[in-house]
C-alpha atoms as a PDB file:
ATOM      1  CA  MET A   1      71.520  -6.603 -40.107  1.00  0.00           C
ATOM      2  CA  GLN A   2      70.513  -3.374 -41.796  1.00  0.00           C
ATOM      3  CA  HIS A   3      67.746  -5.258 -43.604  1.00  0.00           C
ATOM      4  CA  LYS A   4      66.310  -6.508 -40.267  1.00  0.00           C
ATOM      5  CA  GLN A   5      66.400  -2.989 -38.819  1.00  0.00           C
ATOM      6  CA  ARG A   6      64.463  -1.683 -41.841  1.00  0.00           C
ATOM      7  CA  LEU A   7      61.797  -4.355 -41.306  1.00  0.00           C
ATOM      8  CA  ALA A   8      61.486  -3.616 -37.541  1.00  0.00           C
ATOM      9  CA  LYS A   9      60.936   0.134 -38.026  1.00  0.00           C
ATOM     10  CA  PRO A  10      57.543  -0.091 -39.804  1.00  0.00           C
ATOM     11  CA  LYS A  11      56.412  -2.678 -37.281  1.00  0.00           C
ATOM     12  CA  GLN A  12      57.272  -0.347 -34.388  1.00  0.00           C
ATOM     13  CA  GLN A  13      55.475   2.512 -36.133  1.00  0.00           C
ATOM     14  CA  GLY A  14      52.355   0.330 -36.512  1.00  0.00           C
ATOM     15  CA  VAL A  15      52.394  -0.550 -32.815  1.00  0.00           C
ATOM     16  CA  ALA A  16      52.817   3.113 -31.904  1.00  0.00           C
ATOM     17  CA  LEU A  17      49.896   4.119 -34.184  1.00  0.00           C
ATOM     18  CA  LEU A  18      47.702   1.410 -32.692  1.00  0.00           C
ATOM     19  CA  THR A  19      48.607   2.618 -29.212  1.00  0.00           C
ATOM     20  CA  VAL A  20      47.739   6.206 -30.142  1.00  0.00           C
ATOM     21  CA  LEU A  21      44.412   5.107 -31.626  1.00  0.00           C
ATOM     22  CA  LEU A  22      43.644   3.095 -28.498  1.00  0.00           C
ATOM     23  CA  VAL A  23      44.451   6.058 -26.256  1.00  0.00           C
ATOM     24  CA  VAL A  24      42.291   8.360 -28.399  1.00  0.00           C
ATOM     25  CA  ALA A  25      39.411   5.848 -28.280  1.00  0.00           C
ATOM     26  CA  MET A  26      39.670   5.558 -24.514  1.00  0.00           C
ATOM     27  CA  ALA A  27      39.814   9.323 -24.132  1.00  0.00           C
ATOM     28  CA  THR A  28      36.731   9.657 -26.377  1.00  0.00           C
ATOM     29  CA  VAL A  29      34.799   7.084 -24.360  1.00  0.00           C
ATOM     30  CA  LEU A  30      35.847   8.821 -21.150  1.00  0.00           C
ATOM     31  CA  ALA A  31      34.840  12.230 -22.523  1.00  0.00           C
ATOM     32  CA  VAL A  32      31.428  10.954 -23.658  1.00  0.00           C
ATOM     33  CA  SER A  33      30.919   9.306 -20.263  1.00  0.00           C
ATOM     34  CA  MET A  34      31.807  12.549 -18.496  1.00  0.00           C
ATOM     35  CA  VAL A  35      29.429  14.540 -20.719  1.00  0.00           C
ATOM     36  CA  LYS A  36      26.591  12.084 -20.036  1.00  0.00           C
ATOM     37  CA  ALA A  37      27.296  12.181 -16.308  1.00  0.00           C
ATOM     38  CA  GLN A  38      27.317  15.962 -16.390  1.00  0.00           C
ATOM     39  CA  GLN A  39      24.026  16.036 -18.307  1.00  0.00           C
ATOM     40  CA  ALA A  40      22.451  13.633 -15.808  1.00  0.00           C
ATOM     41  CA  LEU A  41      23.722  15.799 -12.947  1.00  0.00           C
ATOM     42  CA  LEU A  42      22.294  18.917 -14.590  1.00  0.00           C
ATOM     43  CA  GLN A  43      18.947  17.167 -15.106  1.00  0.00           C
ATOM     44  CA  ARG A  44      18.865  16.078 -11.476  1.00  0.00           C
ATOM     45  CA  SER A  45      19.812  19.567 -10.345  1.00  0.00           C
ATOM     46  CA  SER A  46      17.097  21.050 -12.557  1.00  0.00           C
ATOM     47  CA  SER A  47      14.572  18.554 -11.177  1.00  0.00           C
ATOM     48  CA  VAL A  48      15.505  19.359  -7.588  1.00  0.00           C
ATOM     49  CA  PHE A  49      15.348  23.072  -8.342  1.00  0.00           C
ATOM     50  CA  SER A  50      11.875  22.705  -9.892  1.00  0.00           C
ATOM     51  CA  GLN A  51      10.694  20.660  -6.913  1.00  0.00           C
ATOM     52  CA  ASP A  52      12.013  23.289  -4.501  1.00  0.00           C
ATOM     53  CA  GLN A  53      10.384  26.023  -6.561  1.00  0.00           C
ATOM     54  CA  ALA A  54       7.039  24.227  -6.481  1.00  0.00           C
ATOM     55  CA  TYR A  55       7.457  23.711  -2.724  1.00  0.00           C
ATOM     56  CA  LEU A  56       7.957  27.437  -2.183  1.00  0.00           C
ATOM     57  CA  TYR A  57       5.009  28.322  -4.423  1.00  0.00           C
ATOM     58  CA  THR A  58       2.677  26.124  -2.359  1.00  0.00           C
ATOM     59  CA  LEU A  59       3.883  27.788   0.845  1.00  0.00           C
ATOM     60  CA  GLY A  60       3.277  31.155  -0.798  1.00  0.00           C
ATOM     61  CA  ALA A  61      -0.254  30.090  -1.744  1.00  0.00           C
ATOM     62  CA  GLU A  62      -0.847  29.074   1.880  1.00  0.00           C
ATOM     63  CA  SER A  63       0.274  32.525   3.032  1.00  0.00           C
ATOM     64  CA  ILE A  64      -2.107  34.216   0.579  1.00  0.00           C
ATOM     65  CA  ALA A  65      -4.964  32.024   1.802  1.00  0.00           C
ATOM     66  CA  LYS A  66      -4.197  33.000   5.400  1.00  0.00           C
ATOM     67  CA  SER A  67      -4.299  36.672   4.387  1.00  0.00           C
ATOM     68  CA  VAL A  68      -7.746  36.166   2.849  1.00  0.00           C
ATOM     69  CA  LEU A  69      -8.979  34.481   6.035  1.00  0.00           C
ATOM     70  CA  GLN A  70      -7.483  37.286   8.127  1.00  0.00           C
ATOM     71  CA  ASP A  71      -9.301  39.896   6.038  1.00  0.00           C
ATOM     72  CA  ASP A  72     -12.551  38.003   6.528  1.00  0.00           C
ATOM     73  CA  LYS A  73     -11.918  37.881  10.280  1.00  0.00           C
ATOM     74  CA  GLU A  74     -11.443  41.651  10.401  1.00  0.00           C
ATOM     75  CA  LYS A  75     -14.717  42.142   8.484  1.00  0.00           C
ATOM     76  CA  ASP A  76     -16.510  39.863  10.957  1.00  0.00           C
ATOM     77  CA  GLN A  77     -15.357  42.034  13.836  1.00  0.00           C
ATOM     78  CA  THR A  78     -17.611  44.791  12.537  1.00  0.00           C
ATOM     79  CA  LYS A  79     -20.672  42.498  12.653  1.00  0.00           C
ATOM     80  CA  THR A  80     -22.919  41.954  15.640  1.00  0.00           C
ATOM     81  CA  THR A  81     -23.016  38.213  14.933  1.00  0.00           C
ATOM     82  CA  PRO A  82     -19.958  36.975  13.005  1.00  0.00           C
ATOM     83  CA  GLN A  83     -20.779  34.293  10.461  1.00  0.00           C
ATOM     84  CA  ASP A  84     -19.111  32.425   7.631  1.00  0.00           C
ATOM     85  CA  SER A  85     -20.879  31.304   4.477  1.00  0.00           C
ATOM     86  CA  LEU A  86     -20.032  30.028   1.015  1.00  0.00           C
ATOM     87  CA  ASN A  87     -20.625  33.381  -0.688  1.00  0.00           C
ATOM     88  CA  GLU A  88     -17.638  35.007   1.046  1.00  0.00           C
ATOM     89  CA  SER A  89     -14.346  35.634  -0.739  1.00  0.00           C
ATOM     90  CA  TRP A  90     -12.425  32.851   1.047  1.00  0.00           C
ATOM     91  CA  ALA A  91     -14.880  30.226  -0.277  1.00  0.00           C
ATOM     92  CA  LYS A  92     -14.676  31.266  -3.926  1.00  0.00           C
ATOM     93  CA  LYS A  93     -13.123  28.676  -6.234  1.00  0.00           C
ATOM     94  CA  THR A  94     -10.237  30.116  -8.212  1.00  0.00           C
ATOM     95  CA  PRO A  95      -8.766  28.718 -11.444  1.00  0.00           C
ATOM     96  CA  PRO A  96      -5.058  27.880 -11.690  1.00  0.00           C
ATOM     97  CA  PHE A  97      -2.873  30.876 -12.432  1.00  0.00           C
ATOM     98  CA  PRO A  98       0.434  30.876 -14.306  1.00  0.00           C
ATOM     99  CA  VAL A  99       3.841  31.454 -12.766  1.00  0.00           C
ATOM    100  CA  ASP A 100       7.336  31.168 -14.243  1.00  0.00           C
ATOM    101  CA  GLY A 101       7.659  27.627 -15.536  1.00  0.00           C
ATOM    102  CA  GLY A 102       4.203  26.403 -14.592  1.00  0.00           C
ATOM    103  CA  MET A 103       1.090  27.110 -12.555  1.00  0.00           C
ATOM    104  CA  VAL A 104      -0.243  27.294  -9.003  1.00  0.00           C
ATOM    105  CA  GLN A 105      -3.711  26.728  -7.617  1.00  0.00           C
ATOM    106  CA  ALA A 106      -5.154  26.924  -4.096  1.00  0.00           C
ATOM    107  CA  HIS A 107      -8.546  26.733  -2.466  1.00  0.00           C
ATOM    108  CA  ILE A 108      -9.962  26.978   1.045  1.00  0.00           C
ATOM    109  CA  ASP A 109     -12.497  24.635   2.638  1.00  0.00           C
ATOM    110  CA  ASP A 110     -14.320  25.119   5.918  1.00  0.00           C
ATOM    111  CA  LEU A 111     -13.443  22.192   8.197  1.00  0.00           C
ATOM    112  CA  GLN A 112     -16.385  23.075  10.420  1.00  0.00           C
ATOM    113  CA  GLY A 113     -18.687  22.272   7.545  1.00  0.00           C
ATOM    114  CA  ARG A 114     -17.778  18.695   8.460  1.00  0.00           C
ATOM    115  CA  PHE A 115     -18.394  16.500  11.502  1.00  0.00           C
ATOM    116  CA  ASN A 116     -15.511  16.652  13.998  1.00  0.00           C
ATOM    117  CA  LEU A 117     -14.701  13.077  15.062  1.00  0.00           C
ATOM    118  CA  ASN A 118     -13.256  14.327  18.335  1.00  0.00           C
ATOM    119  CA  ASP A 119     -16.652  15.764  19.321  1.00  0.00           C
ATOM    120  CA  LEU A 120     -17.708  12.192  20.126  1.00  0.00           C
ATOM    121  CA  SER A 121     -15.877  12.439  23.444  1.00  0.00           C
ATOM    122  CA  GLN A 122     -16.673  15.050  26.076  1.00  0.00           C
ATOM    123  CA  GLU A 123     -14.164  16.731  28.381  1.00  0.00           C
ATOM    124  CA  ASP A 124     -15.084  14.335  31.203  1.00  0.00           C
ATOM    125  CA  GLY A 125     -14.313  11.370  28.960  1.00  0.00           C
ATOM    126  CA  GLN A 126     -17.945  10.386  28.530  1.00  0.00           C
ATOM    127  CA  VAL A 127     -19.523   9.787  25.132  1.00  0.00           C
ATOM    128  CA  ASN A 128     -21.279  12.811  23.652  1.00  0.00           C
ATOM    129  CA  ILE A 129     -24.638  11.168  22.946  1.00  0.00           C
ATOM    130  CA  VAL A 130     -25.909  13.986  20.714  1.00  0.00           C
ATOM    131  CA  ALA A 131     -22.717  13.869  18.618  1.00  0.00           C
ATOM    132  CA  LEU A 132     -22.886  10.074  18.466  1.00  0.00           C
ATOM    133  CA  THR A 133     -26.445  10.177  17.130  1.00  0.00           C
ATOM    134  CA  MET A 134     -25.451  12.743  14.511  1.00  0.00           C
ATOM    135  CA  PHE A 135     -22.436  10.696  13.427  1.00  0.00           C
ATOM    136  CA  GLN A 136     -24.543   7.553  13.082  1.00  0.00           C
ATOM    137  CA  ARG A 137     -26.981   9.439  10.855  1.00  0.00           C
ATOM    138  CA  ILE A 138     -24.117  10.541   8.615  1.00  0.00           C
ATOM    139  CA  LEU A 139     -22.900   6.947   8.348  1.00  0.00           C
ATOM    140  CA  THR A 140     -26.392   5.811   7.463  1.00  0.00           C
ATOM    141  CA  ALA A 141     -26.744   8.516   4.800  1.00  0.00           C
ATOM    142  CA  LEU A 142     -23.524   7.207   3.217  1.00  0.00           C
ATOM    143  CA  GLU A 143     -24.798   3.620   3.390  1.00  0.00           C
ATOM    144  CA  ILE A 144     -22.156   2.751   5.984  1.00  0.00           C
ATOM    145  CA  SER A 145     -23.080   0.689   9.017  1.00  0.00           C
ATOM    146  CA  PRO A 146     -23.786   2.993  11.991  1.00  0.00           C
ATOM    147  CA  ALA A 147     -22.186   0.283  14.169  1.00  0.00           C
ATOM    148  CA  LEU A 148     -18.805   1.609  12.987  1.00  0.00           C
ATOM    149  CA  ALA A 149     -19.264   4.535  15.346  1.00  0.00           C
ATOM    150  CA  SER A 150     -18.210   2.221  18.192  1.00  0.00           C
ATOM    151  CA  PRO A 151     -14.612   1.619  17.014  1.00  0.00           C
ATOM    152  CA  VAL A 152     -14.268   5.391  16.578  1.00  0.00           C
ATOM    153  CA  ILE A 153     -15.349   5.994  20.179  1.00  0.00           C
ATOM    154  CA  ASP A 154     -12.985   3.308  21.466  1.00  0.00           C
ATOM    155  CA  TRP A 155     -10.092   4.819  19.515  1.00  0.00           C
ATOM    156  CA  ILE A 156     -10.371   8.173  21.313  1.00  0.00           C
ATOM    157  CA  ASP A 157     -11.577   7.249  24.807  1.00  0.00           C
ATOM    158  CA  ALA A 158      -9.005   6.785  27.582  1.00  0.00           C
ATOM    159  CA  ASP A 159     -10.018   3.300  28.730  1.00  0.00           C
ATOM    160  CA  ASN A 160      -9.471  -0.140  27.227  1.00  0.00           C
ATOM    161  CA  LEU A 161     -13.067  -1.298  27.554  1.00  0.00           C
ATOM    162  CA  PRO A 162     -14.943  -1.762  24.246  1.00  0.00           C
ATOM    163  CA  ASN A 163     -17.920   0.544  23.851  1.00  0.00           C
ATOM    164  CA  ASP A 164     -20.036  -2.455  22.801  1.00  0.00           C
ATOM    165  CA  SER A 165     -19.705  -5.693  20.836  1.00  0.00           C
ATOM    166  CA  ASP A 166     -18.905  -3.703  17.687  1.00  0.00           C
ATOM    167  CA  GLY A 167     -16.116  -1.755  19.379  1.00  0.00           C
ATOM    168  CA  ALA A 168     -12.402  -2.499  19.430  1.00  0.00           C
ATOM    169  CA  GLU A 169      -9.814  -1.716  22.058  1.00  0.00           C
ATOM    170  CA  GLU A 170      -6.160  -2.568  22.587  1.00  0.00           C
ATOM    171  CA  ASP A 171      -6.624  -6.344  22.884  1.00  0.00           C
ATOM    172  CA  TRP A 172      -8.306  -6.478  19.442  1.00  0.00           C
ATOM    173  CA  TYR A 173      -5.555  -4.536  17.659  1.00  0.00           C
ATOM    174  CA  LEU A 174      -2.745  -6.429  19.400  1.00  0.00           C
ATOM    175  CA  ARG A 175      -3.956  -9.619  17.722  1.00  0.00           C
ATOM    176  CA  LEU A 176      -3.382  -8.153  14.280  1.00  0.00           C
ATOM    177  CA  LYS A 177      -0.249  -8.620  12.179  1.00  0.00           C
ATOM    178  CA  PRO A 178       1.444  -6.241  12.475  1.00  0.00           C
ATOM    179  CA  ALA A 179       0.058  -5.518  15.914  1.00  0.00           C
ATOM    180  CA  TYR A 180      -0.525  -2.024  17.291  1.00  0.00           C
ATOM    181  CA  ARG A 181      -2.380  -0.323  20.118  1.00  0.00           C
ATOM    182  CA  SER A 182      -5.476   1.855  20.087  1.00  0.00           C
ATOM    183  CA  ALA A 183      -4.632   5.539  20.351  1.00  0.00           C
ATOM    184  CA  ASN A 184      -6.765   6.353  23.445  1.00  0.00           C
ATOM    185  CA  ARG A 185      -6.534  10.024  22.505  1.00  0.00           C
ATOM    186  CA  PRO A 186      -8.253  12.400  20.077  1.00  0.00           C
ATOM    187  CA  PHE A 187      -7.748  11.933  16.342  1.00  0.00           C
ATOM    188  CA  VAL A 188      -4.872  13.911  14.867  1.00  0.00           C
ATOM    189  CA  SER A 189      -5.784  13.072  11.288  1.00  0.00           C
ATOM    190  CA  VAL A 190      -8.797  11.612   9.526  1.00  0.00           C
ATOM    191  CA  SER A 191      -6.388   9.133   7.901  1.00  0.00           C
ATOM    192  CA  GLU A 192      -6.238   7.302  11.254  1.00  0.00           C
ATOM    193  CA  LEU A 193      -9.633   5.829  10.386  1.00  0.00           C
ATOM    194  CA  SER A 194      -7.834   3.317   8.168  1.00  0.00           C
ATOM    195  CA  LEU A 195      -6.408   1.722  11.338  1.00  0.00           C
ATOM    196  CA  LEU A 196      -9.797   1.094  12.935  1.00  0.00           C
ATOM    197  CA  ARG A 197     -11.722  -2.136  13.004  1.00  0.00           C
ATOM    198  CA  GLY A 198     -14.136  -2.410  10.096  1.00  0.00           C
ATOM    199  CA  PHE A 199     -12.878   0.639   8.216  1.00  0.00           C
ATOM    200  CA  THR A 200     -11.934  -0.590   4.758  1.00  0.00           C
ATOM    201  CA  PRO A 201     -10.171   1.725   2.276  1.00  0.00           C
ATOM    202  CA  GLU A 202     -13.496   2.145   0.454  1.00  0.00           C
ATOM    203  CA  ILE A 203     -15.315   3.212   3.633  1.00  0.00           C
ATOM    204  CA  VAL A 204     -12.544   5.630   4.609  1.00  0.00           C
ATOM    205  CA  ALA A 205     -12.584   7.188   1.131  1.00  0.00           C
ATOM    206  CA  LYS A 206     -16.369   7.555   1.247  1.00  0.00           C
ATOM    207  CA  LEU A 207     -16.438   9.096   4.740  1.00  0.00           C
ATOM    208  CA  SER A 208     -13.336  11.325   4.677  1.00  0.00           C
ATOM    209  CA  PRO A 209     -14.863  14.303   2.783  1.00  0.00           C
ATOM    210  CA  TYR A 210     -17.494  14.722   5.508  1.00  0.00           C
ATOM    211  CA  VAL A 211     -15.463  14.432   8.719  1.00  0.00           C
ATOM    212  CA  SER A 212     -12.567  16.296  10.321  1.00  0.00           C
ATOM    213  CA  ALA A 213     -10.136  15.784  13.200  1.00  0.00           C
ATOM    214  CA  LEU A 214      -9.903  19.107  15.012  1.00  0.00           C
ATOM    215  CA  PRO A 215      -8.049  19.596  18.319  1.00  0.00           C
ATOM    216  CA  VAL A 216     -10.941  21.163  20.245  1.00  0.00           C
ATOM    217  CA  PHE A 217     -14.715  20.845  20.373  1.00  0.00           C
ATOM    218  CA  THR A 218     -16.224  22.541  17.329  1.00  0.00           C
ATOM    219  CA  THR A 219     -19.741  23.190  16.115  1.00  0.00           C
ATOM    220  CA  ILE A 220     -20.956  22.300  12.625  1.00  0.00           C
ATOM    221  CA  ASN A 221     -21.331  25.418  10.501  1.00  0.00           C
ATOM    222  CA  ILE A 222     -24.823  25.121   8.994  1.00  0.00           C
ATOM    223  CA  ASN A 223     -23.906  27.722   6.361  1.00  0.00           C
ATOM    224  CA  THR A 224     -21.137  25.599   4.839  1.00  0.00           C
ATOM    225  CA  ALA A 225     -22.174  22.024   5.676  1.00  0.00           C
ATOM    226  CA  SER A 226     -22.927  19.657   2.791  1.00  0.00           C
ATOM    227  CA  ALA A 227     -26.199  17.801   2.360  1.00  0.00           C
ATOM    228  CA  VAL A 228     -24.634  14.610   3.778  1.00  0.00           C
ATOM    229  CA  VAL A 229     -23.628  16.404   6.975  1.00  0.00           C
ATOM    230  CA  LEU A 230     -27.024  18.080   7.280  1.00  0.00           C
ATOM    231  CA  THR A 231     -28.710  14.659   7.354  1.00  0.00           C
ATOM    232  CA  ALA A 232     -27.352  14.481  10.908  1.00  0.00           C
ATOM    233  CA  MET A 233     -29.915  17.051  12.022  1.00  0.00           C
ATOM    234  CA  SER A 234     -32.845  14.665  12.348  1.00  0.00           C
ATOM    235  CA  ASP A 235     -33.850  11.015  11.962  1.00  0.00           C
ATOM    236  CA  ASN A 236     -36.479  12.185   9.481  1.00  0.00           C
ATOM    237  CA  MET A 237     -33.972  14.109   7.369  1.00  0.00           C
ATOM    238  CA  THR A 238     -33.372  12.225   4.126  1.00  0.00           C
ATOM    239  CA  LEU A 239     -30.524  12.994   1.766  1.00  0.00           C
ATOM    240  CA  VAL A 240     -33.012  14.378  -0.751  1.00  0.00           C
ATOM    241  CA  MET A 241     -34.436  16.728   1.877  1.00  0.00           C
ATOM    242  CA  ALA A 242     -30.944  17.797   2.925  1.00  0.00           C
ATOM    243  CA  LYS A 243     -29.995  18.572  -0.685  1.00  0.00           C
ATOM    244  CA  ASP A 244     -33.101  20.724  -1.005  1.00  0.00           C
ATOM    245  CA  LEU A 245     -32.127  22.486   2.228  1.00  0.00           C
ATOM    246  CA  VAL A 246     -28.675  23.261   0.792  1.00  0.00           C
ATOM    247  CA  GLU A 247     -30.098  24.529  -2.506  1.00  0.00           C
ATOM    248  CA  LYS A 248     -32.508  26.854  -0.705  1.00  0.00           C
ATOM    249  CA  ARG A 249     -29.997  28.035   1.878  1.00  0.00           C
ATOM    250  CA  PRO A 250     -29.868  31.874   2.006  1.00  0.00           C
ATOM    251  CA  ALA A 251     -27.070  33.284  -0.149  1.00  0.00           C
ATOM    252  CA  GLY A 252     -25.523  35.000   2.850  1.00  0.00           C
ATOM    253  CA  GLY A 253     -26.166  32.053   5.122  1.00  0.00           C
ATOM    254  CA  TYR A 254     -28.336  31.802   8.217  1.00  0.00           C
ATOM    255  CA  GLY A 255     -27.772  34.592  10.699  1.00  0.00           C
ATOM    256  CA  SER A 256     -28.166  32.240  13.661  1.00  0.00           C
ATOM    257  CA  VAL A 257     -28.814  28.609  14.555  1.00  0.00           C
ATOM    258  CA  GLU A 258     -32.210  29.607  15.931  1.00  0.00           C
ATOM    259  CA  VAL A 259     -33.265  30.954  12.533  1.00  0.00           C
ATOM    260  CA  PHE A 260     -32.091  27.735  10.899  1.00  0.00           C
ATOM    261  CA  LEU A 261     -34.098  25.567  13.294  1.00  0.00           C
ATOM    262  CA  GLU A 262     -37.238  27.551  12.490  1.00  0.00           C
ATOM    263  CA  HIS A 263     -37.255  25.819   9.112  1.00  0.00           C
ATOM    264  CA  PRO A 264     -40.460  23.749   8.615  1.00  0.00           C
ATOM    265  CA  LEU A 265     -38.362  20.565   8.424  1.00  0.00           C
ATOM    266  CA  PHE A 266     -37.668  20.919  12.153  1.00  0.00           C
ATOM    267  CA  ALA A 267     -41.222  21.820  13.169  1.00  0.00           C
ATOM    268  CA  ASN A 268     -41.790  18.447  14.852  1.00  0.00           C
ATOM    269  CA  LEU A 269     -38.457  18.426  16.657  1.00  0.00           C
ATOM    270  CA  GLU A 270     -38.979  18.201  20.415  1.00  0.00           C
ATOM    271  CA  PRO A 271     -37.857  21.300  22.371  1.00  0.00           C
ATOM    272  CA  ASN A 272     -35.262  19.385  24.409  1.00  0.00           C
ATOM    273  CA  LEU A 273     -33.781  17.817  21.262  1.00  0.00           C
ATOM    274  CA  LYS A 274     -33.740  21.202  19.576  1.00  0.00           C
ATOM    275  CA  GLN A 275     -31.879  22.654  22.557  1.00  0.00           C
ATOM    276  CA  SER A 276     -29.323  19.819  22.485  1.00  0.00           C
ATOM    277  CA  MET A 277     -28.926  20.243  18.743  1.00  0.00           C
ATOM    278  CA  THR A 278     -28.272  23.967  19.147  1.00  0.00           C
ATOM    279  CA  LYS A 279     -25.101  23.198  21.120  1.00  0.00           C
ATOM    280  CA  MET A 280     -23.715  21.220  18.176  1.00  0.00           C
ATOM    281  CA  LEU A 281     -24.423  23.826  15.507  1.00  0.00           C
ATOM    282  CA  GLY A 282     -23.021  27.232  14.635  1.00  0.00           C
ATOM    283  CA  VAL A 283     -22.697  29.850  11.896  1.00  0.00           C
ATOM    284  CA  HIS A 284     -19.049  30.820  12.461  1.00  0.00           C
ATOM    285  CA  SER A 285     -15.868  28.835  11.761  1.00  0.00           C
ATOM    286  CA  GLN A 286     -12.362  28.808  13.195  1.00  0.00           C
ATOM    287  CA  PHE A 287     -10.687  25.933  11.325  1.00  0.00           C
ATOM    288  CA  PHE A 288     -10.030  25.807   7.592  1.00  0.00           C
ATOM    289  CA  ASN A 289      -8.280  23.489   5.165  1.00  0.00           C
ATOM    290  CA  VAL A 290      -5.999  25.050   2.543  1.00  0.00           C
ATOM    291  CA  SER A 291      -5.080  22.899  -0.471  1.00  0.00           C
ATOM    292  CA  ALA A 292      -2.237  24.309  -2.577  1.00  0.00           C
ATOM    293  CA  GLU A 293      -0.966  22.640  -5.757  1.00  0.00           C
ATOM    294  CA  ALA A 294       1.954  23.678  -7.953  1.00  0.00           C
ATOM    295  CA  GLU A 295       3.417  22.381 -11.213  1.00  0.00           C
ATOM    296  CA  ILE A 296       6.833  23.703 -12.245  1.00  0.00           C
ATOM    297  CA  ASP A 297       8.547  22.247 -15.352  1.00  0.00           C
ATOM    298  CA  GLY A 298       6.526  19.078 -14.988  1.00  0.00           C
ATOM    299  CA  ARG A 299       7.316  18.680 -11.280  1.00  0.00           C
ATOM    300  CA  HIS A 300       4.359  18.604  -8.880  1.00  0.00           C
ATOM    301  CA  ARG A 301       3.956  19.472  -5.206  1.00  0.00           C
ATOM    302  CA  VAL A 302       0.755  19.362  -3.184  1.00  0.00           C
ATOM    303  CA  LEU A 303       0.394  20.955   0.249  1.00  0.00           C
ATOM    304  CA  THR A 304      -2.603  20.504   2.529  1.00  0.00           C
ATOM    305  CA  SER A 305      -2.634  22.767   5.582  1.00  0.00           C
ATOM    306  CA  VAL A 306      -4.997  23.134   8.519  1.00  0.00           C
ATOM    307  CA  ILE A 307      -5.346  26.765   9.557  1.00  0.00           C
ATOM    308  CA  ALA A 308      -6.689  27.896  12.937  1.00  0.00           C
ATOM    309  CA  ARG A 309      -8.363  31.292  13.096  1.00  0.00           C
ATOM    310  CA  ASP A 310      -9.134  31.919  16.758  1.00  0.00           C
ATOM    311  CA  ASP A 311      -9.063  34.943  19.060  1.00  0.00           C
ATOM    312  CA  SER A 312      -5.298  35.397  18.675  1.00  0.00           C
ATOM    313  CA  THR A 313      -4.038  38.236  16.497  1.00  0.00           C
ATOM    314  CA  THR A 314      -2.475  35.971  13.866  1.00  0.00           C
ATOM    315  CA  LEU A 315      -3.666  32.839  12.124  1.00  0.00           C
ATOM    316  CA  ARG A 316      -1.826  29.621  12.941  1.00  0.00           C
ATOM    317  CA  THR A 317      -0.879  26.702  10.722  1.00  0.00           C
ATOM    318  CA  ILE A 318      -1.460  23.696  12.969  1.00  0.00           C
ATOM    319  CA  SER A 319      -0.528  20.988  10.470  1.00  0.00           C
ATOM    320  CA  ARG A 320       0.923  20.490   6.983  1.00  0.00           C
ATOM    321  CA  ASP A 321       0.649  17.391   4.807  1.00  0.00           C
ATOM    322  CA  TRP A 322       2.793  16.817   1.704  1.00  0.00           C
ATOM    323  CA  SER A 323       1.543  13.295   0.968  1.00  0.00           C
ATOM    324  CA  GLN A 324      -1.565  14.130  -1.081  1.00  0.00           C
ATOM    325  CA  GLN A 325      -1.855  13.235  -4.762  1.00  0.00           C
ATOM    326  CA  TRP A 326      -1.685  15.756  -7.597  1.00  0.00           C
ATOM    327  CA  GLN A 327      -5.283  16.697  -8.509  1.00  0.00           C
ATOM    328  CA  VAL A 328      -5.202  19.553 -11.005  1.00  0.00           C
ATOM    329  CA  SER A 329      -5.136  18.706 -14.696  1.00  0.00           C
ATOM    330  CA  VAL A 330      -3.998  21.552 -16.931  1.00  0.00           C
ATOM    331  CA  THR A 331      -3.868  20.986 -20.687  1.00  0.00           C
ATOM    332  CA  ASN A 332      -2.917  24.449 -21.849  1.00  0.00           C
ATOM    333  CA  ASN A 333      -1.253  26.932 -19.529  1.00  0.00           C
ATOM    334  CA  SER A 334      -1.739  29.694 -22.081  1.00  0.00           C
ATOM    335  CA  THR A 335      -5.465  29.658 -21.352  1.00  0.00           C
ATOM    336  CA  LEU A 336      -4.979  30.297 -17.644  1.00  0.00           C
ATOM    337  CA  THR A 337      -5.769  33.686 -16.214  1.00  0.00           C
ATOM    338  CA  LYS A 338      -4.474  35.006 -12.934  1.00  0.00           C
ATOM    339  CA  ALA A 339      -7.148  34.904 -10.263  1.00  0.00           C
ATOM    340  CA  ASN A 340      -7.399  36.831  -7.037  1.00  0.00           C
ATOM    341  CA  PHE A 341      -7.743  34.815  -3.850  1.00  0.00           C
END
């Protein structure tokens, strides 16, 4: 009996040791799992924090841009004829500047240097023939069929009658899969063009830099308009001529539309056409696009804002878009220098 008890004792000790080792192994696995989970949580928290930081930096850049536009507005109030041109401080391109953990960049573009799609419809609901002609010239300059102006008109007019055989109203869109209706209201965003009949992604990408979707009738600022937009001035205006017009544009811009139309290129323009054209042109702008981009610890945020600068005392942000792609490529933050807006 004593011999059997002596044999059982080592066996029990072996089982106990194995149990202890198993418990230690399980505790180790559990501890490692907890550490990994904690590290993942910290990484996610750091990522969220960096994203939030970048978000706030882009909003801050928007605020700075609005301050620059406000300063320019106050300077214009001292002028007999307010005007905006590309040699003013708001139009200056600024390099990215460093912040804690990354960099921020912002720039301002004049939306009235583009053609406002909503100008195609007048207050009485009728088609603005002068605007239509100008838009068709822009399409032609971009090697896009001018017939695509018709779907644009149908998208914003109040009725459901196609403008012509190239147009598209509700019945055309309801046959699509998925089906949808025409807006029958002004454009809210240029991106709506992708919904229109005939507007392929390639056409939308080609046209988007030269058009805007502003909430009120706006004139085209001849001091900030690109060569493509300036081709809308006349049937005889080629892209080469428009580029030459941009290159020779006065540094401070044209003081008035009348001075601009005295250019030899418009010498053969009929007086009634020149008068109609004058209503579509201007030298002062009220709507601007602010693009702000931030990179913090490898996390990117891009904010595109539309700013209205009207007769009110403060500037208004009328829209914000967070869906744009990251555009700035920075290889060495140490080479960046802080720039003034």
